[in-house]
Amino acid sequence: REPERWEPRLRLAQEILLTRAPEVA
């Protein structure tokens, strides 16, 4: 969420953690 503080017009919509991606299977 730090970029939201640098540019207040941004909002984090999604954090994709590859450790939790379905491809890990």
mmCIF file of all heavy atoms, coordinates in Angstrom:
data_MODEL
# 
_entry.id   MODEL 
# 
loop_
_atom_site.group_PDB 
_atom_site.id 
_atom_site.type_symbol 
_atom_site.label_atom_id 
_atom_site.label_alt_id 
_atom_site.label_comp_id 
_atom_site.label_asym_id 
_atom_site.label_entity_id 
_atom_site.label_seq_id 
_atom_site.pdbx_PDB_ins_code 
_atom_site.Cartn_x 
_atom_site.Cartn_y 
_atom_site.Cartn_z 
_atom_site.occupancy 
_atom_site.B_iso_or_equiv 
_atom_site.pdbx_formal_charge 
_atom_site.auth_seq_id 
_atom_site.auth_comp_id 
_atom_site.auth_asym_id 
_atom_site.auth_atom_id 
_atom_site.pdbx_PDB_model_num 
ATOM 1   N N   . ARG A 1 1  ? 0.811  -1.217  0.000   1.00 0.00 ? 1  ARG A N   1 
ATOM 2   C CA  . ARG A 1 1  ? 0.000  0.000   0.000   1.00 0.00 ? 1  ARG A CA  1 
ATOM 3   C C   . ARG A 1 1  ? 0.848  1.272   0.000   1.00 0.00 ? 1  ARG A C   1 
ATOM 4   O O   . ARG A 1 1  ? 0.311  2.379   -0.059  1.00 0.00 ? 1  ARG A O   1 
ATOM 5   C CB  . ARG A 1 1  ? -0.961 0.000   1.190   1.00 0.00 ? 1  ARG A CB  1 
ATOM 6   C CG  . ARG A 1 1  ? -2.023 -1.084  1.094   1.00 0.00 ? 1  ARG A CG  1 
ATOM 7   C CD  . ARG A 1 1  ? -3.225 -0.821  1.983   1.00 0.00 ? 1  ARG A CD  1 
ATOM 8   N NE  . ARG A 1 1  ? -4.263 -1.812  1.772   1.00 0.00 ? 1  ARG A NE  1 
ATOM 9   C CZ  . ARG A 1 1  ? -5.194 -1.757  0.819   1.00 0.00 ? 1  ARG A CZ  1 
ATOM 10  N NH1 . ARG A 1 1  ? -5.207 -0.730  -0.020  1.00 0.00 ? 1  ARG A NH1 1 
ATOM 11  N NH2 . ARG A 1 1  ? -6.096 -2.708  0.701   1.00 0.00 ? 1  ARG A NH2 1 
ATOM 12  N N   . GLU A 1 2  ? 2.158  1.111   0.045   1.00 0.00 ? 2  GLU A N   1 
ATOM 13  C CA  . GLU A 1 2  ? 3.014  2.292   0.057   1.00 0.00 ? 2  GLU A CA  1 
ATOM 14  C C   . GLU A 1 2  ? 2.833  3.176   -1.174  1.00 0.00 ? 2  GLU A C   1 
ATOM 15  O O   . GLU A 1 2  ? 2.810  4.401   -1.061  1.00 0.00 ? 2  GLU A O   1 
ATOM 16  C CB  . GLU A 1 2  ? 4.476  1.887   0.244   1.00 0.00 ? 2  GLU A CB  1 
ATOM 17  C CG  . GLU A 1 2  ? 5.365  3.047   0.646   1.00 0.00 ? 2  GLU A CG  1 
ATOM 18  C CD  . GLU A 1 2  ? 6.678  2.584   1.258   1.00 0.00 ? 2  GLU A CD  1 
ATOM 19  O OE1 . GLU A 1 2  ? 6.803  1.398   1.622   1.00 0.00 ? 2  GLU A OE1 1 
ATOM 20  O OE2 . GLU A 1 2  ? 7.576  3.434   1.369   1.00 0.00 ? 2  GLU A OE2 1 
ATOM 21  N N   . PRO A 1 3  ? 2.690  2.611   -2.391  1.00 0.00 ? 3  PRO A N   1 
ATOM 22  C CA  . PRO A 1 3  ? 2.445  3.476   -3.550  1.00 0.00 ? 3  PRO A CA  1 
ATOM 23  C C   . PRO A 1 3  ? 1.189  4.342   -3.423  1.00 0.00 ? 3  PRO A C   1 
ATOM 24  O O   . PRO A 1 3  ? 1.100  5.399   -4.047  1.00 0.00 ? 3  PRO A O   1 
ATOM 25  C CB  . PRO A 1 3  ? 2.324  2.481   -4.710  1.00 0.00 ? 3  PRO A CB  1 
ATOM 26  C CG  . PRO A 1 3  ? 3.210  1.344   -4.298  1.00 0.00 ? 3  PRO A CG  1 
ATOM 27  C CD  . PRO A 1 3  ? 2.972  1.221   -2.810  1.00 0.00 ? 3  PRO A CD  1 
ATOM 28  N N   . GLU A 1 4  ? 0.209  3.912   -2.612  1.00 0.00 ? 4  GLU A N   1 
ATOM 29  C CA  . GLU A 1 4  ? -0.971 4.742   -2.381  1.00 0.00 ? 4  GLU A CA  1 
ATOM 30  C C   . GLU A 1 4  ? -0.598 6.030   -1.652  1.00 0.00 ? 4  GLU A C   1 
ATOM 31  O O   . GLU A 1 4  ? -1.252 7.072   -1.849  1.00 0.00 ? 4  GLU A O   1 
ATOM 32  C CB  . GLU A 1 4  ? -2.005 3.987   -1.544  1.00 0.00 ? 4  GLU A CB  1 
ATOM 33  C CG  . GLU A 1 4  ? -2.576 2.753   -2.205  1.00 0.00 ? 4  GLU A CG  1 
ATOM 34  C CD  . GLU A 1 4  ? -3.549 2.021   -1.303  1.00 0.00 ? 4  GLU A CD  1 
ATOM 35  O OE1 . GLU A 1 4  ? -3.531 2.262   -0.075  1.00 0.00 ? 4  GLU A OE1 1 
ATOM 36  O OE2 . GLU A 1 4  ? -4.320 1.195   -1.821  1.00 0.00 ? 4  GLU A OE2 1 
ATOM 37  N N   . ARG A 1 5  ? 0.446  5.980   -0.842  1.00 0.00 ? 5  ARG A N   1 
ATOM 38  C CA  . ARG A 1 5  ? 0.886  7.174   -0.127  1.00 0.00 ? 5  ARG A CA  1 
ATOM 39  C C   . ARG A 1 5  ? 1.696  8.085   -1.035  1.00 0.00 ? 5  ARG A C   1 
ATOM 40  O O   . ARG A 1 5  ? 1.676  9.303   -0.877  1.00 0.00 ? 5  ARG A O   1 
ATOM 41  C CB  . ARG A 1 5  ? 1.692  6.773   1.112   1.00 0.00 ? 5  ARG A CB  1 
ATOM 42  C CG  . ARG A 1 5  ? 0.844  6.019   2.147   1.00 0.00 ? 5  ARG A CG  1 
ATOM 43  C CD  . ARG A 1 5  ? 1.590  5.798   3.450   1.00 0.00 ? 5  ARG A CD  1 
ATOM 44  N NE  . ARG A 1 5  ? 2.468  4.638   3.396   1.00 0.00 ? 5  ARG A NE  1 
ATOM 45  C CZ  . ARG A 1 5  ? 2.076  3.392   3.634   1.00 0.00 ? 5  ARG A CZ  1 
ATOM 46  N NH1 . ARG A 1 5  ? 0.798  3.133   3.917   1.00 0.00 ? 5  ARG A NH1 1 
ATOM 47  N NH2 . ARG A 1 5  ? 2.930  2.391   3.593   1.00 0.00 ? 5  ARG A NH2 1 
ATOM 48  N N   . TRP A 1 6  ? 2.417  7.492   -1.987  1.00 0.00 ? 6  TRP A N   1 
ATOM 49  C CA  . TRP A 1 6  ? 3.172  8.308   -2.929  1.00 0.00 ? 6  TRP A CA  1 
ATOM 50  C C   . TRP A 1 6  ? 2.258  8.994   -3.930  1.00 0.00 ? 6  TRP A C   1 
ATOM 51  O O   . TRP A 1 6  ? 2.484  10.135  -4.316  1.00 0.00 ? 6  TRP A O   1 
ATOM 52  C CB  . TRP A 1 6  ? 4.179  7.443   -3.698  1.00 0.00 ? 6  TRP A CB  1 
ATOM 53  C CG  . TRP A 1 6  ? 5.134  6.688   -2.858  1.00 0.00 ? 6  TRP A CG  1 
ATOM 54  C CD1 . TRP A 1 6  ? 5.596  7.028   -1.614  1.00 0.00 ? 6  TRP A CD1 1 
ATOM 55  C CD2 . TRP A 1 6  ? 5.758  5.434   -3.188  1.00 0.00 ? 6  TRP A CD2 1 
ATOM 56  N NE1 . TRP A 1 6  ? 6.468  6.081   -1.151  1.00 0.00 ? 6  TRP A NE1 1 
ATOM 57  C CE2 . TRP A 1 6  ? 6.595  5.093   -2.090  1.00 0.00 ? 6  TRP A CE2 1 
ATOM 58  C CE3 . TRP A 1 6  ? 5.703  4.589   -4.287  1.00 0.00 ? 6  TRP A CE3 1 
ATOM 59  C CZ2 . TRP A 1 6  ? 7.367  3.930   -2.086  1.00 0.00 ? 6  TRP A CZ2 1 
ATOM 60  C CZ3 . TRP A 1 6  ? 6.456  3.440   -4.283  1.00 0.00 ? 6  TRP A CZ3 1 
ATOM 61  C CH2 . TRP A 1 6  ? 7.285  3.109   -3.190  1.00 0.00 ? 6  TRP A CH2 1 
ATOM 62  N N   . GLU A 1 7  ? 1.223  8.258   -4.387  1.00 0.00 ? 7  GLU A N   1 
ATOM 63  C CA  . GLU A 1 7  ? 0.267  8.770   -5.370  1.00 0.00 ? 7  GLU A CA  1 
ATOM 64  C C   . GLU A 1 7  ? -1.140 8.455   -4.841  1.00 0.00 ? 7  GLU A C   1 
ATOM 65  O O   . GLU A 1 7  ? -1.647 7.355   -5.023  1.00 0.00 ? 7  GLU A O   1 
ATOM 66  C CB  . GLU A 1 7  ? 0.506  8.126   -6.743  1.00 0.00 ? 7  GLU A CB  1 
ATOM 67  C CG  . GLU A 1 7  ? -0.552 8.388   -7.796  1.00 0.00 ? 7  GLU A CG  1 
ATOM 68  C CD  . GLU A 1 7  ? -0.955 9.848   -7.896  1.00 0.00 ? 7  GLU A CD  1 
ATOM 69  O OE1 . GLU A 1 7  ? -0.161 10.650  -8.421  1.00 0.00 ? 7  GLU A OE1 1 
ATOM 70  O OE2 . GLU A 1 7  ? -2.069 10.193  -7.433  1.00 0.00 ? 7  GLU A OE2 1 
ATOM 71  N N   . PRO A 1 8  ? -1.772 9.439   -4.168  1.00 0.00 ? 8  PRO A N   1 
ATOM 72  C CA  . PRO A 1 8  ? -3.050 9.184   -3.481  1.00 0.00 ? 8  PRO A CA  1 
ATOM 73  C C   . PRO A 1 8  ? -4.202 8.773   -4.394  1.00 0.00 ? 8  PRO A C   1 
ATOM 74  O O   . PRO A 1 8  ? -5.233 8.301   -3.902  1.00 0.00 ? 8  PRO A O   1 
ATOM 75  C CB  . PRO A 1 8  ? -3.347 10.526  -2.790  1.00 0.00 ? 8  PRO A CB  1 
ATOM 76  C CG  . PRO A 1 8  ? -2.021 11.201  -2.669  1.00 0.00 ? 8  PRO A CG  1 
ATOM 77  C CD  . PRO A 1 8  ? -1.253 10.784  -3.873  1.00 0.00 ? 8  PRO A CD  1 
ATOM 78  N N   . ARG A 1 9  ? -4.063 8.934   -5.695  1.00 0.00 ? 9  ARG A N   1 
ATOM 79  C CA  . ARG A 1 9  ? -5.141 8.529   -6.603  1.00 0.00 ? 9  ARG A CA  1 
ATOM 80  C C   . ARG A 1 9  ? -5.108 7.033   -6.909  1.00 0.00 ? 9  ARG A C   1 
ATOM 81  O O   . ARG A 1 9  ? -6.021 6.518   -7.567  1.00 0.00 ? 9  ARG A O   1 
ATOM 82  C CB  . ARG A 1 9  ? -5.069 9.341   -7.900  1.00 0.00 ? 9  ARG A CB  1 
ATOM 83  C CG  . ARG A 1 9  ? -5.413 10.819  -7.712  1.00 0.00 ? 9  ARG A CG  1 
ATOM 84  C CD  . ARG A 1 9  ? -5.079 11.632  -8.963  1.00 0.00 ? 9  ARG A CD  1 
ATOM 85  N NE  . ARG A 1 9  ? -3.629 11.731  -9.166  1.00 0.00 ? 9  ARG A NE  1 
ATOM 86  C CZ  . ARG A 1 9  ? -3.050 12.385  -10.174 1.00 0.00 ? 9  ARG A CZ  1 
ATOM 87  N NH1 . ARG A 1 9  ? -3.809 12.987  -11.077 1.00 0.00 ? 9  ARG A NH1 1 
ATOM 88  N NH2 . ARG A 1 9  ? -1.725 12.437  -10.268 1.00 0.00 ? 9  ARG A NH2 1 
ATOM 89  N N   . LEU A 1 10 ? -4.079 6.347   -6.441  1.00 0.00 ? 10 LEU A N   1 
ATOM 90  C CA  . LEU A 1 10 ? -3.975 4.898   -6.632  1.00 0.00 ? 10 LEU A CA  1 
ATOM 91  C C   . LEU A 1 10 ? -4.626 4.152   -5.481  1.00 0.00 ? 10 LEU A C   1 
ATOM 92  O O   . LEU A 1 10 ? -4.572 4.585   -4.333  1.00 0.00 ? 10 LEU A O   1 
ATOM 93  C CB  . LEU A 1 10 ? -2.508 4.473   -6.713  1.00 0.00 ? 10 LEU A CB  1 
ATOM 94  C CG  . LEU A 1 10 ? -1.691 4.862   -7.940  1.00 0.00 ? 10 LEU A CG  1 
ATOM 95  C CD1 . LEU A 1 10 ? -0.262 4.361   -7.783  1.00 0.00 ? 10 LEU A CD1 1 
ATOM 96  C CD2 . LEU A 1 10 ? -2.311 4.324   -9.217  1.00 0.00 ? 10 LEU A CD2 1 
ATOM 97  N N   . ARG A 1 11 ? -5.234 3.010   -5.796  1.00 0.00 ? 11 ARG A N   1 
ATOM 98  C CA  . ARG A 1 11 ? -5.727 2.087   -4.781  1.00 0.00 ? 11 ARG A CA  1 
ATOM 99  C C   . ARG A 1 11 ? -5.294 0.674   -5.145  1.00 0.00 ? 11 ARG A C   1 
ATOM 100 O O   . ARG A 1 11 ? -5.467 0.249   -6.291  1.00 0.00 ? 11 ARG A O   1 
ATOM 101 C CB  . ARG A 1 11 ? -7.261 2.150   -4.661  1.00 0.00 ? 11 ARG A CB  1 
ATOM 102 C CG  . ARG A 1 11 ? -7.774 3.328   -3.891  1.00 0.00 ? 11 ARG A CG  1 
ATOM 103 C CD  . ARG A 1 11 ? -7.372 3.278   -2.419  1.00 0.00 ? 11 ARG A CD  1 
ATOM 104 N NE  . ARG A 1 11 ? -7.798 4.471   -1.700  1.00 0.00 ? 11 ARG A NE  1 
ATOM 105 C CZ  . ARG A 1 11 ? -7.062 5.588   -1.554  1.00 0.00 ? 11 ARG A CZ  1 
ATOM 106 N NH1 . ARG A 1 11 ? -5.863 5.653   -2.108  1.00 0.00 ? 11 ARG A NH1 1 
ATOM 107 N NH2 . ARG A 1 11 ? -7.526 6.603   -0.861  1.00 0.00 ? 11 ARG A NH2 1 
ATOM 108 N N   . LEU A 1 12 ? -4.742 -0.026  -4.175  1.00 0.00 ? 12 LEU A N   1 
ATOM 109 C CA  . LEU A 1 12 ? -4.343 -1.408  -4.402  1.00 0.00 ? 12 LEU A CA  1 
ATOM 110 C C   . LEU A 1 12 ? -5.578 -2.244  -4.706  1.00 0.00 ? 12 LEU A C   1 
ATOM 111 O O   . LEU A 1 12 ? -6.495 -2.330  -3.893  1.00 0.00 ? 12 LEU A O   1 
ATOM 112 C CB  . LEU A 1 12 ? -3.621 -1.958  -3.170  1.00 0.00 ? 12 LEU A CB  1 
ATOM 113 C CG  . LEU A 1 12 ? -3.147 -3.409  -3.261  1.00 0.00 ? 12 LEU A CG  1 
ATOM 114 C CD1 . LEU A 1 12 ? -2.064 -3.573  -4.322  1.00 0.00 ? 12 LEU A CD1 1 
ATOM 115 C CD2 . LEU A 1 12 ? -2.633 -3.884  -1.889  1.00 0.00 ? 12 LEU A CD2 1 
ATOM 116 N N   . ALA A 1 13 ? -5.604 -2.841  -5.880  1.00 0.00 ? 13 ALA A N   1 
ATOM 117 C CA  . ALA A 1 13 ? -6.745 -3.664  -6.284  1.00 0.00 ? 13 ALA A CA  1 
ATOM 118 C C   . ALA A 1 13 ? -6.481 -5.142  -6.077  1.00 0.00 ? 13 ALA A C   1 
ATOM 119 O O   . ALA A 1 13 ? -7.405 -5.924  -5.838  1.00 0.00 ? 13 ALA A O   1 
ATOM 120 C CB  . ALA A 1 13 ? -7.081 -3.406  -7.757  1.00 0.00 ? 13 ALA A CB  1 
ATOM 121 N N   . GLN A 1 14 ? -5.204 -5.544  -6.144  1.00 0.00 ? 14 GLN A N   1 
ATOM 122 C CA  . GLN A 1 14 ? -4.887 -6.971  -6.043  1.00 0.00 ? 14 GLN A CA  1 
ATOM 123 C C   . GLN A 1 14 ? -3.411 -7.149  -5.751  1.00 0.00 ? 14 GLN A C   1 
ATOM 124 O O   . GLN A 1 14 ? -2.558 -6.486  -6.346  1.00 0.00 ? 14 GLN A O   1 
ATOM 125 C CB  . GLN A 1 14 ? -5.252 -7.687  -7.344  1.00 0.00 ? 14 GLN A CB  1 
ATOM 126 C CG  . GLN A 1 14 ? -5.124 -9.194  -7.312  1.00 0.00 ? 14 GLN A CG  1 
ATOM 127 C CD  . GLN A 1 14 ? -5.515 -9.827  -8.651  1.00 0.00 ? 14 GLN A CD  1 
ATOM 128 O OE1 . GLN A 1 14 ? -5.527 -9.169  -9.686  1.00 0.00 ? 14 GLN A OE1 1 
ATOM 129 N NE2 . GLN A 1 14 ? -5.845 -11.106 -8.618  1.00 0.00 ? 14 GLN A NE2 1 
ATOM 130 N N   . GLU A 1 15 ? -3.117 -8.019  -4.820  1.00 0.00 ? 15 GLU A N   1 
ATOM 131 C CA  . GLU A 1 15 ? -1.745 -8.454  -4.563  1.00 0.00 ? 15 GLU A CA  1 
ATOM 132 C C   . GLU A 1 15 ? -1.687 -9.940  -4.894  1.00 0.00 ? 15 GLU A C   1 
ATOM 133 O O   . GLU A 1 15 ? -2.319 -10.757 -4.229  1.00 0.00 ? 15 GLU A O   1 
ATOM 134 C CB  . GLU A 1 15 ? -1.351 -8.214  -3.112  1.00 0.00 ? 15 GLU A CB  1 
ATOM 135 C CG  . GLU A 1 15 ? 0.062  -8.689  -2.797  1.00 0.00 ? 15 GLU A CG  1 
ATOM 136 C CD  . GLU A 1 15 ? 0.430  -8.549  -1.322  1.00 0.00 ? 15 GLU A CD  1 
ATOM 137 O OE1 . GLU A 1 15 ? -0.501 -8.428  -0.490  1.00 0.00 ? 15 GLU A OE1 1 
ATOM 138 O OE2 . GLU A 1 15 ? 1.632  -8.577  -1.005  1.00 0.00 ? 15 GLU A OE2 1 
ATOM 139 N N   . ILE A 1 16 ? -0.967 -10.271 -5.951  1.00 0.00 ? 16 ILE A N   1 
ATOM 140 C CA  . ILE A 1 16 ? -0.865 -11.653 -6.394  1.00 0.00 ? 16 ILE A CA  1 
ATOM 141 C C   . ILE A 1 16 ? 0.428  -12.242 -5.842  1.00 0.00 ? 16 ILE A C   1 
ATOM 142 O O   . ILE A 1 16 ? 1.532  -11.857 -6.255  1.00 0.00 ? 16 ILE A O   1 
ATOM 143 C CB  . ILE A 1 16 ? -0.882 -11.757 -7.929  1.00 0.00 ? 16 ILE A CB  1 
ATOM 144 C CG1 . ILE A 1 16 ? -2.136 -11.099 -8.506  1.00 0.00 ? 16 ILE A CG1 1 
ATOM 145 C CG2 . ILE A 1 16 ? -0.783 -13.214 -8.377  1.00 0.00 ? 16 ILE A CG2 1 
ATOM 146 C CD1 . ILE A 1 16 ? -2.136 -10.985 -10.021 1.00 0.00 ? 16 ILE A CD1 1 
ATOM 147 N N   . LEU A 1 17 ? 0.310  -13.134 -4.880  1.00 0.00 ? 17 LEU A N   1 
ATOM 148 C CA  . LEU A 1 17 ? 1.458  -13.815 -4.297  1.00 0.00 ? 17 LEU A CA  1 
ATOM 149 C C   . LEU A 1 17 ? 1.657  -15.125 -5.046  1.00 0.00 ? 17 LEU A C   1 
ATOM 150 O O   . LEU A 1 17 ? 0.780  -15.995 -5.039  1.00 0.00 ? 17 LEU A O   1 
ATOM 151 C CB  . LEU A 1 17 ? 1.214  -14.086 -2.813  1.00 0.00 ? 17 LEU A CB  1 
ATOM 152 C CG  . LEU A 1 17 ? 0.918  -12.855 -1.938  1.00 0.00 ? 17 LEU A CG  1 
ATOM 153 C CD1 . LEU A 1 17 ? 0.520  -13.287 -0.530  1.00 0.00 ? 17 LEU A CD1 1 
ATOM 154 C CD2 . LEU A 1 17 ? 2.122  -11.926 -1.893  1.00 0.00 ? 17 LEU A CD2 1 
ATOM 155 N N   . LEU A 1 18 ? 2.786  -15.264 -5.706  1.00 0.00 ? 18 LEU A N   1 
ATOM 156 C CA  . LEU A 1 18 ? 2.984  -16.459 -6.526  1.00 0.00 ? 18 LEU A CA  1 
ATOM 157 C C   . LEU A 1 18 ? 3.042  -17.729 -5.690  1.00 0.00 ? 18 LEU A C   1 
ATOM 158 O O   . LEU A 1 18 ? 2.795  -18.823 -6.214  1.00 0.00 ? 18 LEU A O   1 
ATOM 159 C CB  . LEU A 1 18 ? 4.248  -16.325 -7.375  1.00 0.00 ? 18 LEU A CB  1 
ATOM 160 C CG  . LEU A 1 18 ? 4.220  -15.265 -8.479  1.00 0.00 ? 18 LEU A CG  1 
ATOM 161 C CD1 . LEU A 1 18 ? 5.362  -15.506 -9.461  1.00 0.00 ? 18 LEU A CD1 1 
ATOM 162 C CD2 . LEU A 1 18 ? 2.883  -15.230 -9.220  1.00 0.00 ? 18 LEU A CD2 1 
ATOM 163 N N   . THR A 1 19 ? 3.342  -17.602 -4.391  1.00 0.00 ? 19 THR A N   1 
ATOM 164 C CA  . THR A 1 19 ? 3.324  -18.799 -3.544  1.00 0.00 ? 19 THR A CA  1 
ATOM 165 C C   . THR A 1 19 ? 1.922  -19.382 -3.444  1.00 0.00 ? 19 THR A C   1 
ATOM 166 O O   . THR A 1 19 ? 1.764  -20.559 -3.105  1.00 0.00 ? 19 THR A O   1 
ATOM 167 C CB  . THR A 1 19 ? 3.821  -18.474 -2.125  1.00 0.00 ? 19 THR A CB  1 
ATOM 168 O OG1 . THR A 1 19 ? 2.980  -17.460 -1.549  1.00 0.00 ? 19 THR A OG1 1 
ATOM 169 C CG2 . THR A 1 19 ? 5.263  -18.014 -2.131  1.00 0.00 ? 19 THR A CG2 1 
ATOM 170 N N   . ARG A 1 20 ? 0.886  -18.554 -3.725  1.00 0.00 ? 20 ARG A N   1 
ATOM 171 C CA  . ARG A 1 20 ? -0.498 -19.008 -3.611  1.00 0.00 ? 20 ARG A CA  1 
ATOM 172 C C   . ARG A 1 20 ? -1.160 -19.177 -4.985  1.00 0.00 ? 20 ARG A C   1 
ATOM 173 O O   . ARG A 1 20 ? -2.384 -19.343 -5.068  1.00 0.00 ? 20 ARG A O   1 
ATOM 174 C CB  . ARG A 1 20 ? -1.287 -18.017 -2.755  1.00 0.00 ? 20 ARG A CB  1 
ATOM 175 C CG  . ARG A 1 20 ? -0.737 -17.894 -1.346  1.00 0.00 ? 20 ARG A CG  1 
ATOM 176 C CD  . ARG A 1 20 ? -1.417 -16.803 -0.539  1.00 0.00 ? 20 ARG A CD  1 
ATOM 177 N NE  . ARG A 1 20 ? -0.782 -16.665 0.778   1.00 0.00 ? 20 ARG A NE  1 
ATOM 178 C CZ  . ARG A 1 20 ? -1.076 -15.707 1.660   1.00 0.00 ? 20 ARG A CZ  1 
ATOM 179 N NH1 . ARG A 1 20 ? -2.000 -14.800 1.360   1.00 0.00 ? 20 ARG A NH1 1 
ATOM 180 N NH2 . ARG A 1 20 ? -0.452 -15.645 2.819   1.00 0.00 ? 20 ARG A NH2 1 
ATOM 181 N N   . ALA A 1 21 ? -0.363 -19.127 -6.031  1.00 0.00 ? 21 ALA A N   1 
ATOM 182 C CA  . ALA A 1 21 ? -0.916 -19.272 -7.375  1.00 0.00 ? 21 ALA A CA  1 
ATOM 183 C C   . ALA A 1 21 ? -1.309 -20.728 -7.627  1.00 0.00 ? 21 ALA A C   1 
ATOM 184 O O   . ALA A 1 21 ? -0.655 -21.655 -7.128  1.00 0.00 ? 21 ALA A O   1 
ATOM 185 C CB  . ALA A 1 21 ? 0.105  -18.835 -8.420  1.00 0.00 ? 21 ALA A CB  1 
ATOM 186 N N   . PRO A 1 22 ? -2.361 -20.973 -8.400  1.00 0.00 ? 22 PRO A N   1 
ATOM 187 C CA  . PRO A 1 22 ? -2.761 -22.359 -8.679  1.00 0.00 ? 22 PRO A CA  1 
ATOM 188 C C   . PRO A 1 22 ? -1.691 -23.156 -9.401  1.00 0.00 ? 22 PRO A C   1 
ATOM 189 O O   . PRO A 1 22 ? -1.651 -24.389 -9.298  1.00 0.00 ? 22 PRO A O   1 
ATOM 190 C CB  . PRO A 1 22 ? -4.024 -22.197 -9.534  1.00 0.00 ? 22 PRO A CB  1 
ATOM 191 C CG  . PRO A 1 22 ? -3.994 -20.783 -10.035 1.00 0.00 ? 22 PRO A CG  1 
ATOM 192 C CD  . PRO A 1 22 ? -3.268 -19.994 -9.011  1.00 0.00 ? 22 PRO A CD  1 
ATOM 193 N N   . GLU A 1 23 ? -0.799 -22.478 -10.110 1.00 0.00 ? 23 GLU A N   1 
ATOM 194 C CA  . GLU A 1 23 ? 0.257  -23.165 -10.854 1.00 0.00 ? 23 GLU A CA  1 
ATOM 195 C C   . GLU A 1 23 ? 1.252  -23.884 -9.945  1.00 0.00 ? 23 GLU A C   1 
ATOM 196 O O   . GLU A 1 23 ? 2.014  -24.752 -10.412 1.00 0.00 ? 23 GLU A O   1 
ATOM 197 C CB  . GLU A 1 23 ? 1.015  -22.175 -11.745 1.00 0.00 ? 23 GLU A CB  1 
ATOM 198 C CG  . GLU A 1 23 ? 0.216  -21.634 -12.914 1.00 0.00 ? 23 GLU A CG  1 
ATOM 199 C CD  . GLU A 1 23 ? -0.607 -20.403 -12.566 1.00 0.00 ? 23 GLU A CD  1 
ATOM 200 O OE1 . GLU A 1 23 ? -0.667 -20.027 -11.368 1.00 0.00 ? 23 GLU A OE1 1 
ATOM 201 O OE2 . GLU A 1 23 ? -1.190 -19.809 -13.481 1.00 0.00 ? 23 GLU A OE2 1 
ATOM 202 N N   . VAL A 1 24 ? 1.256  -23.541 -8.652  1.00 0.00 ? 24 VAL A N   1 
ATOM 203 C CA  . VAL A 1 24 ? 2.170  -24.203 -7.710  1.00 0.00 ? 24 VAL A CA  1 
ATOM 204 C C   . VAL A 1 24 ? 1.950  -25.717 -7.713  1.00 0.00 ? 24 VAL A C   1 
ATOM 205 O O   . VAL A 1 24 ? 2.879  -26.491 -7.490  1.00 0.00 ? 24 VAL A O   1 
ATOM 206 C CB  . VAL A 1 24 ? 1.987  -23.617 -6.291  1.00 0.00 ? 24 VAL A CB  1 
ATOM 207 C CG1 . VAL A 1 24 ? 2.759  -24.435 -5.252  1.00 0.00 ? 24 VAL A CG1 1 
ATOM 208 C CG2 . VAL A 1 24 ? 2.445  -22.161 -6.261  1.00 0.00 ? 24 VAL A CG2 1 
ATOM 209 N N   . ALA A 1 25 ? 0.739  -26.153 -8.003  1.00 0.00 ? 25 ALA A N   1 
ATOM 210 C CA  . ALA A 1 25 ? 0.441  -27.595 -8.034  1.00 0.00 ? 25 ALA A CA  1 
ATOM 211 C C   . ALA A 1 25 ? 1.301  -28.340 -9.045  1.00 0.00 ? 25 ALA A C   1 
ATOM 212 O O   . ALA A 1 25 ? 1.510  -29.555 -8.913  1.00 0.00 ? 25 ALA A O   1 
ATOM 213 C CB  . ALA A 1 25 ? -1.041 -27.805 -8.337  1.00 0.00 ? 25 ALA A CB  1 
# 
